[in-house]
Each structure stands twice: as structure tokens, then as C-alpha cells.
Amino acid sequence: MDYHQIFSEIHQELEPEKAPGQVASYIPELAKVDPTKYGVFLKTLEDSCFALGDAREAFSAQSITKVFSLALAMQLQGDSIFDRVDVEPSGTSFNSLVLLEYEDGIPRNPFINSGALVIADILVSNLQNPKEGFLQFVRELTQDPHIEYSKAIAQSEAQEGFRNRALANMLRSFGNIVNPVEEVLDFYYYQCSLLMSCQQLAEAFLPYANAGKTLE
């Protein structure tokens, strides 16, 4: 299969639309991102790679990192984490408070913000240095020691993170966050600020497509 041709055709089809979407503006630093950026990177289990556009340019991975934090939490605590977070679709927006109160502080799944905050709390409890431990975990997944956090993006999220602060405090009120709220939020903002390229993300997700193993 000619992936280069497929990617080129997709790009050509999208180009006339002149990027009708908008970059996220609720985090000031993200509002500065060039909306014309376009990158695709594919890595197969046969170790073939296909790239197009800005595939090797790092960007803030944001909620994609929730997969990595969940994987690390499961590595540390196993299925017991699901006593604190469910595995059901939410049916509401990613940062909704409604279901959290209705369901006694148990988030519907680990990928909405309330669920990711519970996972962050688990990592804060289990890692001596949560930021360093999480960063090392992702570096090992990608086999790339150069991945870093963006301090500017983490700080920008913290300045505007009123909804996440509300979620964290509600979780704390139900006893589903046990560490200091600000400590959990600080880790969570840095987690989301992780700078990764499409290529690095493809490398990081490869073990999940290969029964948990990296390529030899």
C-alpha cells in the first residue's frame, strides 16, 4: 500500500478548505499555534515509516497523554485503579462537573478530565518524583530521551484552569483525590504540556499495537 500517495491525496483534499477549524483558545499559549500546521506519521509493525508535512515538529500533546498516564497507573497499581474510575462513555463534555456529582465522585472513564485527575492523583501517590517518573516512562516508550515538558504551556493552563480546579476539589470532597489539590493539578498540567511530534507519538503508541512489546 502506497501510504505516501494516500497521505498526499488526503492533504490535497483538505487544503482547499483553508483550515476551517480553530486552535484552542481557552489556554492562552495554545492560541498561539499556527493553524496551518499539518503532519502525519505512520509506523507499521514491520518497522516501515511514512511521514508527511510537519510530522517531526513537536507540539503540546494535551489529552493524548492521558493514555500514557493510565498505562503507567495500571503498571503501578493494576486493575485496582478501576475502583476509583469507571470505564464507561461519559455522554457529556470532557470537563463536565454534572455526572461527577451525580455519581458520587467516580468519573465515568480515565480520559475525561475528572478521570485523568484521579489517575494523576494515583501517580502522585506512587511516584517519588511524579513529573520525572512520567517523563521517563514516555521517553522509554518512544526510546527518545529528548522529550520534554513545556513550562510555558503548563503555567498557561494553571492560570486559566478554573474548571479543572473545580473538578479536583469536587473529587477531593468525595475522597477520590487524596493528595493536595494543587499538587495533583500541577502534575496534571505538566503532563498535558508534554511536547511530542507525530513521529514520537507513533513510536509511543507502537507497543499498544504490538501486544505491549517494542520492536526488536
N, C-alpha and C. Protein backbone atom coordinates (compact mmCIF):
# COMPACT_ATOMS: atom_id res chain seq x y z
N MET A 1 0.84 -1.19 0.00
CA MET A 1 0.00 0.00 0.00
C MET A 1 0.88 1.25 0.00
N ASP A 2 0.57 2.18 -0.88
CA ASP A 2 1.37 3.39 -1.03
C ASP A 2 0.85 4.47 -0.07
N TYR A 3 1.36 4.46 1.17
CA TYR A 3 0.88 5.41 2.17
C TYR A 3 1.26 6.85 1.81
N HIS A 4 2.41 7.03 1.21
CA HIS A 4 2.81 8.38 0.81
C HIS A 4 1.76 8.98 -0.13
N GLN A 5 1.30 8.18 -1.08
CA GLN A 5 0.30 8.65 -2.03
C GLN A 5 -1.03 8.93 -1.33
N ILE A 6 -1.41 8.03 -0.41
CA ILE A 6 -2.66 8.21 0.33
C ILE A 6 -2.62 9.49 1.15
N PHE A 7 -1.52 9.72 1.88
CA PHE A 7 -1.39 10.93 2.70
C PHE A 7 -1.41 12.18 1.83
N SER A 8 -0.74 12.12 0.68
CA SER A 8 -0.70 13.28 -0.21
C SER A 8 -2.10 13.61 -0.74
N GLU A 9 -2.86 12.57 -1.06
CA GLU A 9 -4.21 12.79 -1.57
C GLU A 9 -5.11 13.40 -0.49
N ILE A 10 -4.96 12.91 0.75
CA ILE A 10 -5.74 13.47 1.86
C ILE A 10 -5.40 14.94 2.05
N HIS A 11 -4.11 15.24 2.00
CA HIS A 11 -3.66 16.62 2.17
C HIS A 11 -4.22 17.51 1.06
N GLN A 12 -4.20 17.03 -0.15
CA GLN A 12 -4.72 17.81 -1.28
C GLN A 12 -6.22 18.05 -1.14
N GLU A 13 -6.93 17.06 -0.64
CA GLU A 13 -8.37 17.22 -0.46
C GLU A 13 -8.72 18.21 0.64
N LEU A 14 -7.88 18.25 1.68
CA LEU A 14 -8.15 19.15 2.81
C LEU A 14 -7.69 20.57 2.53
N GLU A 15 -6.68 20.74 1.72
CA GLU A 15 -6.09 22.06 1.51
C GLU A 15 -7.08 23.12 1.06
N PRO A 16 -8.01 22.82 0.13
CA PRO A 16 -8.95 23.87 -0.30
C PRO A 16 -9.85 24.39 0.82
N GLU A 17 -9.95 23.64 1.90
CA GLU A 17 -10.82 24.07 3.00
C GLU A 17 -10.24 25.24 3.77
N LYS A 18 -8.94 25.51 3.57
CA LYS A 18 -8.28 26.65 4.22
C LYS A 18 -8.43 26.61 5.75
N ALA A 19 -8.21 25.42 6.32
CA ALA A 19 -8.21 25.25 7.78
C ALA A 19 -9.42 25.89 8.45
N PRO A 20 -10.62 25.34 8.25
CA PRO A 20 -11.83 25.96 8.81
C PRO A 20 -11.92 25.87 10.33
N GLY A 21 -11.16 24.97 10.93
CA GLY A 21 -11.19 24.84 12.38
C GLY A 21 -10.43 25.96 13.07
N GLN A 22 -10.48 25.96 14.39
CA GLN A 22 -9.78 26.98 15.18
C GLN A 22 -8.92 26.30 16.24
N VAL A 23 -7.79 26.91 16.51
CA VAL A 23 -6.94 26.38 17.57
C VAL A 23 -7.60 26.66 18.92
N ALA A 24 -7.23 25.86 19.92
CA ALA A 24 -7.80 26.03 21.27
C ALA A 24 -7.38 27.38 21.82
N SER A 25 -8.35 28.13 22.29
CA SER A 25 -8.05 29.47 22.83
C SER A 25 -8.26 29.54 24.34
N TYR A 26 -8.84 28.49 24.94
CA TYR A 26 -9.08 28.52 26.38
C TYR A 26 -7.79 28.39 27.17
N ILE A 27 -6.70 27.98 26.50
CA ILE A 27 -5.35 28.01 27.08
C ILE A 27 -4.55 29.00 26.25
N PRO A 28 -4.19 30.15 26.80
CA PRO A 28 -3.57 31.22 26.02
C PRO A 28 -2.38 30.79 25.16
N GLU A 29 -1.51 29.94 25.70
CA GLU A 29 -0.34 29.51 24.94
C GLU A 29 -0.73 28.70 23.70
N LEU A 30 -1.80 27.92 23.81
CA LEU A 30 -2.23 27.12 22.66
C LEU A 30 -2.83 27.99 21.57
N ALA A 31 -3.34 29.14 21.94
CA ALA A 31 -3.93 30.05 20.95
C ALA A 31 -2.87 30.60 19.99
N LYS A 32 -1.60 30.47 20.36
CA LYS A 32 -0.50 30.98 19.53
C LYS A 32 -0.08 30.01 18.44
N VAL A 33 -0.63 28.80 18.44
CA VAL A 33 -0.22 27.77 17.48
C VAL A 33 -0.67 28.14 16.07
N ASP A 34 0.19 27.93 15.10
CA ASP A 34 -0.13 28.18 13.70
C ASP A 34 -1.19 27.18 13.23
N PRO A 35 -2.39 27.62 12.86
CA PRO A 35 -3.47 26.70 12.49
C PRO A 35 -3.24 25.98 11.16
N THR A 36 -2.23 26.39 10.40
CA THR A 36 -1.97 25.73 9.12
C THR A 36 -1.03 24.54 9.24
N LYS A 37 -0.53 24.27 10.43
CA LYS A 37 0.36 23.13 10.63
C LYS A 37 -0.38 21.84 10.29
N TYR A 38 0.33 20.93 9.64
CA TYR A 38 -0.28 19.67 9.22
C TYR A 38 0.80 18.60 9.19
N GLY A 39 0.61 17.55 9.94
CA GLY A 39 1.60 16.48 9.96
C GLY A 39 0.96 15.11 10.14
N VAL A 40 1.51 14.13 9.45
CA VAL A 40 1.07 12.74 9.58
C VAL A 40 2.30 11.85 9.65
N PHE A 41 2.27 10.90 10.58
CA PHE A 41 3.37 9.93 10.65
C PHE A 41 2.77 8.57 10.96
N LEU A 42 3.16 7.58 10.18
CA LEU A 42 2.70 6.21 10.37
C LEU A 42 3.88 5.29 10.52
N LYS A 43 3.85 4.45 11.55
CA LYS A 43 4.86 3.41 11.71
C LYS A 43 4.16 2.07 11.82
N THR A 44 4.56 1.12 11.02
CA THR A 44 3.90 -0.18 10.99
C THR A 44 4.64 -1.18 11.88
N LEU A 45 4.00 -2.30 12.16
CA LEU A 45 4.62 -3.35 12.95
C LEU A 45 5.78 -4.00 12.21
N GLU A 46 5.87 -3.74 10.91
CA GLU A 46 7.01 -4.23 10.14
C GLU A 46 8.16 -3.23 10.16
N ASP A 47 8.01 -2.17 10.95
CA ASP A 47 9.04 -1.14 11.13
C ASP A 47 9.22 -0.26 9.90
N SER A 48 8.16 -0.12 9.11
CA SER A 48 8.19 0.83 8.00
C SER A 48 7.62 2.16 8.48
N CYS A 49 8.17 3.25 7.98
CA CYS A 49 7.74 4.58 8.41
C CYS A 49 7.31 5.42 7.21
N PHE A 50 6.25 6.21 7.42
CA PHE A 50 5.73 7.09 6.38
C PHE A 50 5.40 8.44 7.02
N ALA A 51 5.91 9.52 6.44
CA ALA A 51 5.71 10.84 7.02
C ALA A 51 5.28 11.84 5.98
N LEU A 52 4.53 12.84 6.43
CA LEU A 52 4.11 13.93 5.56
C LEU A 52 4.01 15.21 6.38
N GLY A 53 4.43 16.31 5.79
CA GLY A 53 4.26 17.63 6.42
C GLY A 53 5.09 17.82 7.68
N ASP A 54 4.45 18.40 8.70
CA ASP A 54 5.15 18.78 9.94
C ASP A 54 5.19 17.63 10.93
N ALA A 55 5.43 16.43 10.44
CA ALA A 55 5.33 15.23 11.28
C ALA A 55 6.41 15.14 12.35
N ARG A 56 7.48 15.88 12.17
CA ARG A 56 8.59 15.80 13.14
C ARG A 56 8.70 17.06 14.00
N GLU A 57 7.68 17.89 13.95
CA GLU A 57 7.65 19.11 14.77
C GLU A 57 6.85 18.86 16.04
N ALA A 58 7.45 19.14 17.18
CA ALA A 58 6.80 18.86 18.47
C ALA A 58 5.67 19.85 18.75
N PHE A 59 4.64 19.35 19.41
CA PHE A 59 3.52 20.19 19.83
C PHE A 59 3.02 19.66 21.17
N SER A 60 2.18 20.41 21.84
CA SER A 60 1.66 20.01 23.14
C SER A 60 0.66 18.88 22.96
N ALA A 61 0.97 17.71 23.51
CA ALA A 61 0.15 16.51 23.27
C ALA A 61 -1.18 16.54 24.01
N GLN A 62 -1.29 17.36 25.05
CA GLN A 62 -2.54 17.55 25.77
C GLN A 62 -3.21 16.23 26.18
N SER A 63 -4.47 16.01 25.79
CA SER A 63 -5.22 14.85 26.29
C SER A 63 -4.72 13.51 25.75
N ILE A 64 -3.91 13.53 24.70
CA ILE A 64 -3.32 12.28 24.23
C ILE A 64 -2.51 11.64 25.35
N THR A 65 -1.93 12.46 26.22
CA THR A 65 -1.07 11.94 27.29
C THR A 65 -1.86 11.15 28.34
N LYS A 66 -3.18 11.27 28.32
CA LYS A 66 -3.99 10.52 29.29
C LYS A 66 -3.84 9.01 29.09
N VAL A 67 -3.56 8.59 27.86
CA VAL A 67 -3.31 7.18 27.59
C VAL A 67 -2.05 6.72 28.33
N PHE A 68 -1.01 7.55 28.29
CA PHE A 68 0.25 7.18 28.92
C PHE A 68 0.13 7.18 30.45
N SER A 69 -0.59 8.16 31.00
CA SER A 69 -0.73 8.20 32.46
C SER A 69 -1.55 7.02 32.95
N LEU A 70 -2.58 6.62 32.19
CA LEU A 70 -3.38 5.45 32.55
C LEU A 70 -2.51 4.19 32.51
N ALA A 71 -1.71 4.05 31.46
CA ALA A 71 -0.86 2.87 31.34
C ALA A 71 0.13 2.78 32.50
N LEU A 72 0.70 3.91 32.89
CA LEU A 72 1.65 3.92 34.00
C LEU A 72 0.95 3.60 35.31
N ALA A 73 -0.25 4.15 35.51
CA ALA A 73 -1.01 3.87 36.74
C ALA A 73 -1.35 2.38 36.82
N MET A 74 -1.72 1.78 35.69
CA MET A 74 -2.03 0.35 35.68
C MET A 74 -0.78 -0.48 35.96
N GLN A 75 0.34 -0.01 35.47
CA GLN A 75 1.61 -0.70 35.73
C GLN A 75 1.93 -0.68 37.22
N LEU A 76 1.58 0.41 37.88
CA LEU A 76 1.90 0.58 39.30
C LEU A 76 0.87 -0.08 40.23
N GLN A 77 -0.41 -0.03 39.84
CA GLN A 77 -1.46 -0.50 40.75
C GLN A 77 -2.38 -1.56 40.16
N GLY A 78 -2.25 -1.87 38.88
CA GLY A 78 -3.11 -2.88 38.28
C GLY A 78 -4.56 -2.43 38.19
N ASP A 79 -5.45 -3.40 38.13
CA ASP A 79 -6.87 -3.10 37.93
C ASP A 79 -7.53 -2.44 39.13
N SER A 80 -6.82 -2.33 40.24
CA SER A 80 -7.42 -1.69 41.42
C SER A 80 -7.75 -0.22 41.17
N ILE A 81 -7.12 0.38 40.16
CA ILE A 81 -7.42 1.79 39.86
C ILE A 81 -8.88 1.96 39.44
N PHE A 82 -9.49 0.87 38.96
CA PHE A 82 -10.87 0.99 38.49
C PHE A 82 -11.89 0.93 39.62
N ASP A 83 -11.39 0.89 40.85
CA ASP A 83 -12.26 1.14 41.99
C ASP A 83 -12.56 2.63 42.12
N ARG A 84 -11.72 3.45 41.47
CA ARG A 84 -11.82 4.90 41.61
C ARG A 84 -12.26 5.61 40.33
N VAL A 85 -12.21 4.91 39.21
CA VAL A 85 -12.62 5.50 37.94
C VAL A 85 -13.24 4.40 37.08
N ASP A 86 -14.35 4.73 36.42
CA ASP A 86 -15.09 3.74 35.66
C ASP A 86 -14.54 3.62 34.24
N VAL A 87 -15.18 2.79 33.42
CA VAL A 87 -14.75 2.57 32.04
C VAL A 87 -15.95 2.70 31.09
N GLU A 88 -16.80 3.67 31.35
CA GLU A 88 -18.00 3.88 30.55
C GLU A 88 -17.93 5.21 29.80
N PRO A 89 -18.64 5.33 28.67
CA PRO A 89 -18.70 6.63 27.98
C PRO A 89 -19.39 7.66 28.87
N SER A 90 -18.96 8.90 28.75
CA SER A 90 -19.48 9.92 29.65
C SER A 90 -20.81 10.51 29.17
N GLY A 91 -20.95 10.70 27.87
CA GLY A 91 -22.16 11.33 27.35
C GLY A 91 -22.22 12.82 27.59
N THR A 92 -21.19 13.37 28.24
CA THR A 92 -21.12 14.81 28.48
C THR A 92 -19.75 15.31 28.02
N SER A 93 -19.53 16.60 28.08
CA SER A 93 -18.25 17.16 27.64
C SER A 93 -17.10 16.68 28.52
N PHE A 94 -15.89 16.79 27.99
CA PHE A 94 -14.70 16.27 28.65
C PHE A 94 -14.42 16.92 30.01
N ASN A 95 -14.96 18.12 30.24
CA ASN A 95 -14.67 18.80 31.51
C ASN A 95 -15.94 19.08 32.32
N SER A 96 -16.96 18.26 32.11
CA SER A 96 -18.24 18.45 32.79
C SER A 96 -18.16 18.07 34.27
N LEU A 97 -18.87 18.82 35.10
CA LEU A 97 -18.96 18.51 36.53
C LEU A 97 -20.25 17.75 36.88
N VAL A 98 -21.20 17.71 35.94
CA VAL A 98 -22.55 17.24 36.26
C VAL A 98 -22.55 15.79 36.72
N LEU A 99 -22.01 14.89 35.90
CA LEU A 99 -22.04 13.47 36.25
C LEU A 99 -21.20 13.16 37.47
N LEU A 100 -20.15 13.92 37.68
CA LEU A 100 -19.26 13.67 38.81
C LEU A 100 -20.00 13.80 40.12
N GLU A 101 -20.85 14.79 40.25
CA GLU A 101 -21.63 14.94 41.47
C GLU A 101 -22.73 13.89 41.54
N TYR A 102 -23.35 13.61 40.42
CA TYR A 102 -24.45 12.64 40.38
C TYR A 102 -23.97 11.25 40.76
N GLU A 103 -22.72 10.91 40.41
CA GLU A 103 -22.20 9.57 40.62
C GLU A 103 -21.18 9.50 41.75
N ASP A 104 -21.34 10.38 42.73
CA ASP A 104 -20.58 10.33 43.98
C ASP A 104 -19.06 10.36 43.78
N GLY A 105 -18.63 11.18 42.84
CA GLY A 105 -17.20 11.41 42.69
C GLY A 105 -16.43 10.33 41.97
N ILE A 106 -17.12 9.43 41.25
CA ILE A 106 -16.45 8.41 40.45
C ILE A 106 -16.56 8.81 38.98
N PRO A 107 -15.47 9.24 38.36
CA PRO A 107 -15.54 9.65 36.94
C PRO A 107 -15.93 8.47 36.04
N ARG A 108 -16.58 8.79 34.94
CA ARG A 108 -17.05 7.75 34.03
C ARG A 108 -15.90 6.98 33.36
N ASN A 109 -14.79 7.66 33.07
CA ASN A 109 -13.65 6.97 32.44
C ASN A 109 -12.37 7.79 32.65
N PRO A 110 -11.22 7.21 32.37
CA PRO A 110 -9.94 7.89 32.64
C PRO A 110 -9.58 8.98 31.65
N PHE A 111 -10.37 9.14 30.59
CA PHE A 111 -9.98 10.06 29.53
C PHE A 111 -10.74 11.38 29.54
N ILE A 112 -11.78 11.51 30.36
CA ILE A 112 -12.34 12.83 30.62
C ILE A 112 -11.48 13.46 31.72
N ASN A 113 -11.57 14.76 31.87
CA ASN A 113 -10.64 15.44 32.78
C ASN A 113 -10.74 14.95 34.22
N SER A 114 -11.96 14.71 34.72
CA SER A 114 -12.08 14.25 36.11
C SER A 114 -11.40 12.90 36.30
N GLY A 115 -11.56 12.00 35.31
CA GLY A 115 -10.91 10.70 35.39
C GLY A 115 -9.40 10.82 35.32
N ALA A 116 -8.91 11.70 34.45
CA ALA A 116 -7.47 11.91 34.33
C ALA A 116 -6.89 12.51 35.60
N LEU A 117 -7.67 13.32 36.31
CA LEU A 117 -7.20 13.89 37.58
C LEU A 117 -7.09 12.80 38.65
N VAL A 118 -7.99 11.84 38.64
CA VAL A 118 -7.88 10.72 39.58
C VAL A 118 -6.63 9.91 39.26
N ILE A 119 -6.37 9.67 37.98
CA ILE A 119 -5.15 8.95 37.58
C ILE A 119 -3.92 9.75 37.99
N ALA A 120 -3.97 11.07 37.82
CA ALA A 120 -2.85 11.92 38.25
C ALA A 120 -2.61 11.78 39.75
N ASP A 121 -3.69 11.72 40.52
CA ASP A 121 -3.57 11.56 41.97
C ASP A 121 -2.90 10.22 42.31
N ILE A 122 -3.24 9.17 41.56
CA ILE A 122 -2.62 7.86 41.77
C ILE A 122 -1.13 7.93 41.49
N LEU A 123 -0.74 8.62 40.43
CA LEU A 123 0.68 8.74 40.10
C LEU A 123 1.42 9.58 41.14
N VAL A 124 0.80 10.64 41.61
CA VAL A 124 1.42 11.46 42.67
C VAL A 124 1.64 10.62 43.92
N SER A 125 0.72 9.72 44.22
CA SER A 125 0.84 8.87 45.40
C SER A 125 1.93 7.81 45.25
N ASN A 126 2.16 7.36 44.02
CA ASN A 126 3.02 6.20 43.81
C ASN A 126 4.42 6.51 43.29
N LEU A 127 4.64 7.72 42.80
CA LEU A 127 5.95 8.07 42.26
C LEU A 127 6.64 9.07 43.17
N GLN A 128 7.90 8.83 43.46
CA GLN A 128 8.64 9.74 44.33
C GLN A 128 8.77 11.12 43.71
N ASN A 129 8.98 11.15 42.40
CA ASN A 129 9.01 12.40 41.64
C ASN A 129 8.08 12.22 40.44
N PRO A 130 6.78 12.55 40.59
CA PRO A 130 5.80 12.24 39.54
C PRO A 130 6.16 12.80 38.16
N LYS A 131 6.58 14.05 38.09
CA LYS A 131 6.90 14.64 36.79
C LYS A 131 8.04 13.90 36.12
N GLU A 132 9.09 13.63 36.87
CA GLU A 132 10.25 12.94 36.31
C GLU A 132 9.90 11.50 35.96
N GLY A 133 9.13 10.84 36.83
CA GLY A 133 8.75 9.46 36.59
C GLY A 133 7.89 9.30 35.35
N PHE A 134 6.93 10.21 35.17
CA PHE A 134 6.06 10.15 34.00
C PHE A 134 6.86 10.45 32.74
N LEU A 135 7.72 11.46 32.79
CA LEU A 135 8.53 11.82 31.64
C LEU A 135 9.43 10.64 31.22
N GLN A 136 10.02 9.98 32.20
CA GLN A 136 10.89 8.85 31.91
C GLN A 136 10.10 7.71 31.27
N PHE A 137 8.88 7.49 31.74
CA PHE A 137 8.02 6.44 31.18
C PHE A 137 7.76 6.69 29.70
N VAL A 138 7.43 7.93 29.34
CA VAL A 138 7.15 8.26 27.94
C VAL A 138 8.43 8.19 27.11
N ARG A 139 9.53 8.61 27.67
CA ARG A 139 10.81 8.52 26.94
C ARG A 139 11.16 7.06 26.64
N GLU A 140 10.87 6.20 27.58
CA GLU A 140 11.14 4.77 27.35
C GLU A 140 10.22 4.19 26.29
N LEU A 141 8.95 4.62 26.28
CA LEU A 141 8.03 4.17 25.26
C LEU A 141 8.51 4.55 23.86
N THR A 142 8.98 5.77 23.73
CA THR A 142 9.41 6.28 22.43
C THR A 142 10.86 5.94 22.12
N GLN A 143 11.59 5.51 23.14
CA GLN A 143 13.04 5.29 23.02
C GLN A 143 13.72 6.58 22.56
N ASP A 144 13.22 7.70 23.12
CA ASP A 144 13.73 9.02 22.76
C ASP A 144 13.92 9.83 24.04
N PRO A 145 15.18 10.10 24.43
CA PRO A 145 15.45 10.81 25.69
C PRO A 145 15.28 12.31 25.60
N HIS A 146 14.86 12.82 24.44
CA HIS A 146 14.82 14.27 24.25
C HIS A 146 13.44 14.89 24.48
N ILE A 147 12.44 14.07 24.77
CA ILE A 147 11.10 14.60 25.01
C ILE A 147 11.09 15.41 26.31
N GLU A 148 10.42 16.55 26.28
CA GLU A 148 10.39 17.45 27.43
C GLU A 148 8.99 18.02 27.64
N TYR A 149 8.79 18.62 28.82
CA TYR A 149 7.58 19.38 29.10
C TYR A 149 7.74 20.81 28.58
N SER A 150 6.63 21.49 28.39
CA SER A 150 6.65 22.92 28.11
C SER A 150 6.21 23.65 29.37
N LYS A 151 7.13 24.30 30.02
CA LYS A 151 6.80 25.04 31.24
C LYS A 151 5.82 26.16 30.94
N ALA A 152 5.99 26.81 29.79
CA ALA A 152 5.11 27.94 29.43
C ALA A 152 3.67 27.46 29.28
N ILE A 153 3.46 26.32 28.64
CA ILE A 153 2.11 25.81 28.45
C ILE A 153 1.52 25.34 29.77
N ALA A 154 2.32 24.67 30.60
CA ALA A 154 1.83 24.22 31.90
C ALA A 154 1.38 25.41 32.75
N GLN A 155 2.16 26.47 32.74
CA GLN A 155 1.82 27.65 33.52
C GLN A 155 0.58 28.34 32.95
N SER A 156 0.45 28.35 31.63
CA SER A 156 -0.71 28.95 30.99
C SER A 156 -1.98 28.18 31.36
N GLU A 157 -1.89 26.86 31.39
CA GLU A 157 -3.04 26.04 31.79
C GLU A 157 -3.40 26.30 33.25
N ALA A 158 -2.40 26.42 34.09
CA ALA A 158 -2.65 26.65 35.51
C ALA A 158 -3.36 27.99 35.74
N GLN A 159 -2.99 29.00 34.96
CA GLN A 159 -3.58 30.33 35.13
C GLN A 159 -5.05 30.35 34.74
N GLU A 160 -5.43 29.49 33.79
CA GLU A 160 -6.81 29.50 33.30
C GLU A 160 -7.57 28.23 33.68
N GLY A 161 -7.02 27.43 34.58
CA GLY A 161 -7.60 26.12 34.86
C GLY A 161 -8.68 26.11 35.92
N PHE A 162 -9.63 27.02 35.84
CA PHE A 162 -10.66 27.13 36.87
C PHE A 162 -11.57 25.90 36.89
N ARG A 163 -11.92 25.38 35.72
CA ARG A 163 -12.80 24.22 35.66
C ARG A 163 -12.08 22.98 36.23
N ASN A 164 -10.83 22.81 35.87
CA ASN A 164 -10.08 21.67 36.41
C ASN A 164 -9.91 21.78 37.92
N ARG A 165 -9.74 22.99 38.39
CA ARG A 165 -9.62 23.19 39.84
C ARG A 165 -10.93 22.83 40.53
N ALA A 166 -12.04 23.18 39.91
CA ALA A 166 -13.36 22.82 40.46
C ALA A 166 -13.54 21.31 40.47
N LEU A 167 -13.15 20.64 39.37
CA LEU A 167 -13.24 19.18 39.30
C LEU A 167 -12.40 18.53 40.39
N ALA A 168 -11.17 19.01 40.54
CA ALA A 168 -10.27 18.43 41.53
C ALA A 168 -10.80 18.60 42.95
N ASN A 169 -11.34 19.77 43.24
CA ASN A 169 -11.89 20.00 44.57
C ASN A 169 -13.14 19.16 44.82
N MET A 170 -13.95 18.97 43.79
CA MET A 170 -15.12 18.10 43.95
C MET A 170 -14.67 16.66 44.20
N LEU A 171 -13.68 16.21 43.44
CA LEU A 171 -13.15 14.86 43.66
C LEU A 171 -12.60 14.72 45.07
N ARG A 172 -11.93 15.76 45.53
CA ARG A 172 -11.37 15.74 46.89
C ARG A 172 -12.50 15.67 47.93
N SER A 173 -13.60 16.36 47.66
CA SER A 173 -14.72 16.36 48.61
C SER A 173 -15.35 14.98 48.74
N PHE A 174 -15.24 14.17 47.67
CA PHE A 174 -15.75 12.80 47.71
C PHE A 174 -14.69 11.80 48.17
N GLY A 175 -13.49 12.29 48.47
CA GLY A 175 -12.42 11.41 48.90
C GLY A 175 -11.73 10.67 47.77
N ASN A 176 -11.97 11.11 46.50
CA ASN A 176 -11.37 10.42 45.36
C ASN A 176 -10.11 11.11 44.86
N ILE A 177 -9.69 12.14 45.55
CA ILE A 177 -8.33 12.67 45.44
C ILE A 177 -7.81 12.75 46.87
N VAL A 178 -6.65 12.17 47.09
CA VAL A 178 -6.12 12.09 48.46
C VAL A 178 -4.94 13.01 48.69
N ASN A 179 -4.30 13.45 47.62
CA ASN A 179 -3.17 14.37 47.75
C ASN A 179 -3.65 15.81 47.66
N PRO A 180 -2.82 16.77 48.06
CA PRO A 180 -3.22 18.17 47.95
C PRO A 180 -3.63 18.51 46.52
N VAL A 181 -4.75 19.19 46.39
CA VAL A 181 -5.31 19.50 45.07
C VAL A 181 -4.30 20.21 44.18
N GLU A 182 -3.60 21.21 44.70
CA GLU A 182 -2.67 21.96 43.88
C GLU A 182 -1.51 21.10 43.39
N GLU A 183 -1.10 20.13 44.19
CA GLU A 183 -0.03 19.23 43.78
C GLU A 183 -0.48 18.34 42.63
N VAL A 184 -1.69 17.83 42.71
CA VAL A 184 -2.25 17.00 41.65
C VAL A 184 -2.43 17.81 40.37
N LEU A 185 -2.96 19.03 40.50
CA LEU A 185 -3.17 19.88 39.34
C LEU A 185 -1.84 20.25 38.68
N ASP A 186 -0.84 20.54 39.47
CA ASP A 186 0.47 20.90 38.92
C ASP A 186 1.02 19.77 38.07
N PHE A 187 0.94 18.54 38.59
CA PHE A 187 1.41 17.40 37.80
C PHE A 187 0.57 17.25 36.53
N TYR A 188 -0.73 17.37 36.66
CA TYR A 188 -1.63 17.20 35.51
C TYR A 188 -1.34 18.22 34.41
N TYR A 189 -1.10 19.47 34.77
CA TYR A 189 -0.82 20.49 33.77
C TYR A 189 0.50 20.20 33.06
N TYR A 190 1.49 19.73 33.81
CA TYR A 190 2.76 19.39 33.15
C TYR A 190 2.58 18.17 32.25
N GLN A 191 1.82 17.19 32.70
CA GLN A 191 1.54 16.02 31.89
C GLN A 191 0.97 16.44 30.54
N CYS A 192 -0.03 17.32 30.55
CA CYS A 192 -0.67 17.75 29.31
C CYS A 192 0.23 18.63 28.45
N SER A 193 1.22 19.25 29.05
CA SER A 193 2.12 20.14 28.30
C SER A 193 3.21 19.39 27.55
N LEU A 194 3.27 18.08 27.72
CA LEU A 194 4.33 17.28 27.10
C LEU A 194 4.44 17.58 25.61
N LEU A 195 5.65 17.89 25.16
CA LEU A 195 5.89 18.24 23.77
C LEU A 195 6.32 16.99 22.99
N MET A 196 5.51 16.60 22.01
CA MET A 196 5.81 15.43 21.21
C MET A 196 5.45 15.69 19.75
N SER A 197 6.18 15.08 18.85
CA SER A 197 5.87 15.17 17.43
C SER A 197 4.98 14.00 17.02
N CYS A 198 4.46 14.07 15.83
CA CYS A 198 3.67 12.94 15.31
C CYS A 198 4.53 11.68 15.28
N GLN A 199 5.79 11.83 14.92
CA GLN A 199 6.69 10.67 14.88
C GLN A 199 6.86 10.07 16.28
N GLN A 200 7.10 10.91 17.27
CA GLN A 200 7.28 10.42 18.64
C GLN A 200 6.01 9.77 19.16
N LEU A 201 4.86 10.32 18.82
CA LEU A 201 3.60 9.71 19.24
C LEU A 201 3.40 8.34 18.59
N ALA A 202 3.77 8.23 17.32
CA ALA A 202 3.67 6.93 16.66
C ALA A 202 4.56 5.91 17.33
N GLU A 203 5.76 6.32 17.70
CA GLU A 203 6.69 5.42 18.41
C GLU A 203 6.11 5.03 19.78
N ALA A 204 5.52 5.99 20.46
CA ALA A 204 4.99 5.74 21.81
C ALA A 204 3.82 4.77 21.79
N PHE A 205 3.00 4.85 20.75
CA PHE A 205 1.81 4.00 20.68
C PHE A 205 2.09 2.64 20.05
N LEU A 206 3.25 2.46 19.46
CA LEU A 206 3.55 1.20 18.81
C LEU A 206 3.42 -0.01 19.74
N PRO A 207 3.93 0.05 20.99
CA PRO A 207 3.77 -1.11 21.87
C PRO A 207 2.31 -1.49 22.12
N TYR A 208 1.40 -0.51 22.11
CA TYR A 208 -0.01 -0.80 22.33
C TYR A 208 -0.62 -1.55 21.14
N ALA A 209 0.00 -1.37 19.98
CA ALA A 209 -0.47 -2.10 18.79
C ALA A 209 0.25 -3.44 18.63
N ASN A 210 1.23 -3.69 19.49
CA ASN A 210 2.08 -4.86 19.34
C ASN A 210 2.12 -5.69 20.63
N ALA A 211 0.94 -5.86 21.25
CA ALA A 211 0.82 -6.69 22.45
C ALA A 211 1.76 -6.25 23.57
N GLY A 212 2.00 -4.93 23.66
CA GLY A 212 2.80 -4.41 24.75
C GLY A 212 4.30 -4.50 24.55
N LYS A 213 4.74 -4.85 23.34
CA LYS A 213 6.17 -5.02 23.08
C LYS A 213 6.68 -3.99 22.10
N THR A 214 7.91 -3.53 22.33
CA THR A 214 8.56 -2.69 21.34
C THR A 214 9.12 -3.57 20.24
N LEU A 215 9.43 -2.97 19.09
CA LEU A 215 10.02 -3.75 18.00
C LEU A 215 11.46 -4.08 18.34
N GLU A 216 11.88 -5.26 17.95
CA GLU A 216 13.27 -5.67 18.21
C GLU A 216 14.21 -4.91 17.29
